[in-house]
Protein backbone atom coordinates (compact mmCIF):
# COMPACT_ATOMS: atom_id res chain seq x y z
CA MET A 1 -12.66 -1.97 37.28
CA SER A 2 -10.87 -3.83 34.92
CA GLU A 3 -7.34 -5.20 36.51
CA ARG A 4 -5.93 -3.56 33.00
CA SER A 5 -7.55 0.12 33.73
CA VAL A 6 -5.91 -0.09 37.37
CA SER A 7 -2.62 -1.04 35.81
CA THR A 8 -2.62 1.97 33.56
CA GLN A 9 -4.30 4.22 36.12
CA GLN A 10 -1.01 2.98 38.62
CA ASP A 11 1.45 3.25 35.46
CA GLY A 12 0.39 6.85 34.31
CA LYS A 13 -0.83 5.42 30.96
CA ARG A 14 -3.63 5.36 28.78
CA TRP A 15 -5.26 2.85 26.12
CA TYR A 16 -5.99 4.65 22.56
CA THR A 17 -8.20 2.75 20.11
CA VAL A 18 -6.61 2.84 17.26
CA GLN A 19 -9.09 3.97 14.12
CA ALA A 20 -9.00 3.16 10.36
CA PRO A 21 -9.52 5.80 8.15
CA GLU A 22 -12.66 6.87 6.58
CA GLN A 23 -11.38 4.96 3.33
CA PHE A 24 -12.02 1.79 5.76
CA ASP A 25 -14.97 2.84 7.39
CA ARG A 26 -13.09 4.06 10.18
CA ALA A 27 -12.76 0.33 11.46
CA GLU A 28 -11.38 -0.29 14.59
CA LEU A 29 -7.78 -1.61 13.81
CA GLY A 30 -6.93 -2.38 17.65
CA GLU A 31 -5.67 -0.50 21.01
CA THR A 32 -2.12 1.12 21.77
CA ILE A 33 -0.80 2.07 25.52
CA ALA A 34 0.89 5.75 25.82
CA ALA A 35 1.68 7.85 28.55
CA GLU A 36 1.41 10.37 26.57
CA PRO A 37 -0.87 11.55 23.27
CA GLN A 38 1.84 12.07 21.30
CA GLN A 39 3.54 9.20 21.90
CA VAL A 40 1.42 7.41 20.23
CA VAL A 41 1.90 9.41 16.87
CA GLY A 42 3.96 7.81 14.38
CA ARG A 43 3.45 4.25 15.88
CA THR A 44 2.19 1.92 12.97
CA ILE A 45 -0.28 -1.10 13.20
CA GLU A 46 -0.90 -4.04 10.80
CA THR A 47 -3.67 -5.86 10.02
CA THR A 48 -5.59 -7.74 7.25
CA LEU A 49 -8.65 -6.89 5.02
CA GLY A 50 -9.98 -10.04 6.21
CA ASP A 51 -10.17 -8.68 9.73
CA ILE A 52 -11.79 -5.21 8.44
CA ASN A 53 -14.31 -6.60 6.60
CA ASP A 54 -15.13 -9.81 8.95
CA ASP A 55 -13.92 -11.68 5.72
CA ALA A 56 -11.67 -14.70 6.14
CA GLY A 57 -11.11 -15.16 2.18
CA SER A 58 -9.66 -11.73 2.81
CA ASP A 59 -7.00 -12.41 4.89
CA ASN A 60 -4.04 -13.22 2.67
CA THR A 61 -4.00 -9.12 2.33
CA LYS A 62 -1.79 -7.01 4.64
CA LEU A 63 -3.05 -3.81 5.40
CA THR A 64 -0.88 -1.31 7.08
CA PHE A 65 -1.86 2.19 9.21
CA LYS A 66 0.29 5.01 10.55
CA ILE A 67 -1.14 6.87 13.54
CA THR A 68 -1.22 10.67 12.90
CA ASP A 69 -3.31 12.11 15.34
CA VAL A 70 -5.27 11.63 18.31
CA GLY A 71 -8.28 13.11 20.06
CA SER A 72 -9.52 11.73 22.93
CA ASP A 73 -9.28 8.12 24.04
CA THR A 74 -8.73 7.39 19.69
CA ALA A 75 -5.64 7.48 17.72
CA TYR A 76 -6.19 8.06 14.09
CA THR A 77 -4.52 7.13 11.15
CA GLU A 78 -4.02 7.53 7.35
CA PHE A 79 -3.30 3.80 5.00
CA ILE A 80 0.32 3.56 4.09
CA LYS A 81 0.74 -0.17 2.72
CA HIS A 82 -0.87 -2.99 0.82
CA GLU A 83 0.73 -6.33 0.72
CA LEU A 84 0.16 -10.07 -0.30
CA THR A 85 1.09 -12.71 2.01
CA ARG A 86 4.26 -14.69 1.27
CA ASP A 87 2.45 -17.87 1.61
CA TYR A 88 -0.37 -17.02 -0.58
CA LEU A 89 2.44 -15.96 -3.45
CA ARG A 90 4.04 -18.68 -2.91
CA SER A 91 0.58 -20.92 -3.65
CA LEU A 92 0.70 -18.99 -6.97
CA VAL A 93 3.83 -20.77 -8.32
CA ARG A 94 3.97 -23.35 -10.50
CA ARG A 95 6.99 -25.34 -11.81
CA GLY A 96 7.64 -24.83 -15.50
CA ALA A 97 5.55 -21.33 -15.87
CA SER A 98 7.11 -17.93 -15.46
CA LYS A 99 6.98 -15.57 -12.93
CA VAL A 100 6.75 -11.60 -14.35
CA GLU A 101 7.10 -8.75 -11.99
CA ALA A 102 7.73 -5.01 -12.02
CA ALA A 103 8.35 -2.24 -9.48
CA ILE A 104 6.61 0.75 -10.67
CA THR A 105 6.62 4.62 -9.11
CA VAL A 106 3.89 6.94 -9.72
CA VAL A 107 2.35 10.07 -8.84
CA THR A 108 -1.47 10.44 -8.20
CA THR A 109 -3.34 13.00 -9.04
CA ASP A 110 -3.43 14.39 -5.74
CA ASP A 111 0.30 14.60 -5.30
CA TYR A 112 1.21 11.33 -3.33
CA ARG A 113 3.94 9.22 -4.90
CA ILE A 114 3.96 5.65 -4.32
CA GLN A 115 5.32 2.31 -5.42
CA LEU A 116 3.32 -0.93 -7.11
CA GLN A 117 4.59 -4.32 -7.45
CA PRO A 118 2.51 -6.24 -10.01
CA VAL A 119 3.13 -9.74 -10.86
CA ALA A 120 2.04 -12.14 -13.46
CA PHE A 121 2.01 -15.89 -13.61
CA THR A 122 1.55 -17.36 -16.96
CA THR A 123 0.42 -20.83 -17.47
CA GLU A 124 3.44 -22.17 -19.24
CA LYS A 125 6.99 -20.94 -19.53
CA ALA A 126 7.09 -17.57 -21.44
CA ASP A 127 10.31 -16.76 -23.85
CA ASN A 128 12.08 -13.36 -22.86
CA SER A 129 10.24 -11.07 -25.41
CA GLN A 130 6.90 -11.92 -24.06
CA GLU A 131 7.73 -11.63 -20.71
CA HIS A 132 9.10 -8.48 -21.63
CA ALA A 133 5.79 -7.29 -23.30
CA ILE A 134 3.59 -8.29 -20.25
CA ARG A 135 5.84 -6.20 -18.12
CA ARG A 136 5.55 -3.18 -20.26
CA VAL A 137 1.96 -3.66 -20.40
CA MET A 138 1.78 -3.67 -16.56
CA ILE A 139 4.06 -0.29 -16.50
CA ASP A 140 1.96 1.03 -19.13
CA LEU A 141 -1.67 0.26 -17.25
CA VAL A 142 -0.18 1.14 -13.96
CA GLU A 143 1.07 4.85 -14.90
CA GLU A 144 -2.39 5.22 -16.44
CA ALA A 145 -4.31 4.64 -13.17
CA ALA A 146 -2.37 7.07 -11.67
CA GLU A 147 -2.66 10.07 -13.79
CA GLU A 148 -6.41 9.71 -13.54
CA ARG A 149 -6.73 8.70 -9.96
CA SER A 150 -6.34 10.52 -6.53
CA PHE A 151 -3.94 7.79 -4.03
CA GLU A 152 -7.49 6.52 -2.25
CA GLU A 153 -8.88 5.71 -5.51
CA LEU A 154 -5.60 3.64 -6.55
CA ALA A 155 -5.18 2.00 -3.63
CA ASP A 156 -9.26 0.98 -3.94
CA SER A 157 -8.32 -0.20 -7.39
CA VAL A 158 -5.54 -2.28 -6.28
CA ILE A 159 -7.40 -3.80 -2.62
CA GLU A 160 -10.67 -4.64 -4.85
CA GLY A 161 -8.72 -6.12 -7.43
CA ARG A 162 -9.50 -3.92 -10.61
CA LEU A 163 -5.81 -2.93 -11.43
CA SER A 164 -5.12 -6.69 -11.49
CA SER A 165 -8.30 -7.51 -13.60
CA ALA A 166 -7.03 -4.69 -15.91
CA ILE A 167 -3.99 -5.77 -16.56
CA TYR A 168 -4.75 -9.39 -16.96
CA GLY A 169 -7.51 -8.77 -19.49
CA GLU A 170 -4.73 -6.42 -21.46
CA ALA A 171 -1.68 -8.97 -20.71
CA LYS A 172 -3.43 -12.57 -21.45
CA GLN A 173 -3.41 -11.03 -24.98
CA ILE A 174 0.37 -11.81 -25.43
CA TYR A 175 0.40 -14.83 -23.77
CA PRO A 176 -1.91 -17.33 -21.52
CA LEU A 177 -1.85 -16.46 -18.07
CA ARG A 178 -3.25 -17.83 -14.99
CA ARG A 179 -2.99 -14.89 -12.27
CA VAL A 180 -2.02 -11.74 -11.73
CA GLU A 181 -1.78 -9.81 -8.56
CA VAL A 182 -0.42 -6.46 -7.17
CA THR A 183 1.80 -7.79 -4.67
CA LYS A 184 3.07 -4.56 -2.46
CA LEU A 185 1.35 -0.77 -2.96
CA ARG A 186 3.47 1.40 -0.65
CA LEU A 187 3.05 5.38 -0.05
CA GLU A 188 6.36 7.05 -0.52
CA ALA A 189 5.85 10.34 -0.14
CA ARG A 190 2.72 12.75 1.05
CA PRO A 191 2.33 15.68 -1.28
CA GLU A 192 3.85 18.05 1.44
CA GLU A 193 7.09 15.81 1.56
CA LEU A 194 6.98 15.69 -2.28
CA ALA A 195 6.47 19.72 -2.60
CA GLU A 196 10.10 19.62 0.05
CA GLU A 197 11.95 17.32 -2.63
CA GLN A 198 10.67 19.05 -5.44
CA ALA A 199 12.34 22.49 -3.52
CA ALA A 200 15.19 21.18 -2.85
CA ALA A 201 15.97 20.05 -6.33
CA VAL A 202 15.28 23.07 -7.81
CA ASP A 203 17.81 24.86 -5.09
CA VAL A 204 20.20 22.47 -5.91
CA ASP A 205 20.23 23.14 -9.80
CA GLU A 206 20.51 27.17 -8.71
CA ASP A 207 23.54 26.36 -6.80
CA ASP A 208 24.65 24.56 -9.66
CA VAL A 209 24.19 27.47 -12.00
CA ALA A 210 25.78 29.76 -9.59
CA ASP A 211 28.42 27.98 -9.56
CA VAL A 212 29.08 27.87 -13.16
């Protein structure tokens, strides 16, 4: 018996293998320890796309998962955040060029509210009107993508680089671009949370009417 197993038994705790969702082929993300299964629920674990795909070239993409359920000795997760590393983003900055950013909140076809943060790097300095036009393209394409995709589908398009490629193809017609990335995708609300918010908003509106 391993030293870890003996120590765990003495502490009354056990180890749980943390598993990615089906979207990521149920890859093993690591382990976590707890005395009770419910103590594991709600914990988050961060890894890289490179670790999941066994591809060092993807180590600049961080993925965060949240444990939602526990069965036997396995902890199951949901995907909640994609983010590029700061070192990678700093490597894209060039003196004398423009960096155009946007933060866009959308709701997917299956009622997940998420925020995406695309960024475009130009080859040289763009003027204000060109930066505004590039930002408009970002917003329009992200909103269109959300209107046509589920949360999982939209996340896949970000992680695989398809959304950033679409933005690049459209925005480069405004001003020459060197690179477009989606620096962050974050889950803000699940369908049930969104429904609760909407119900609460309706209740507030009805109270306002009653007070008139």
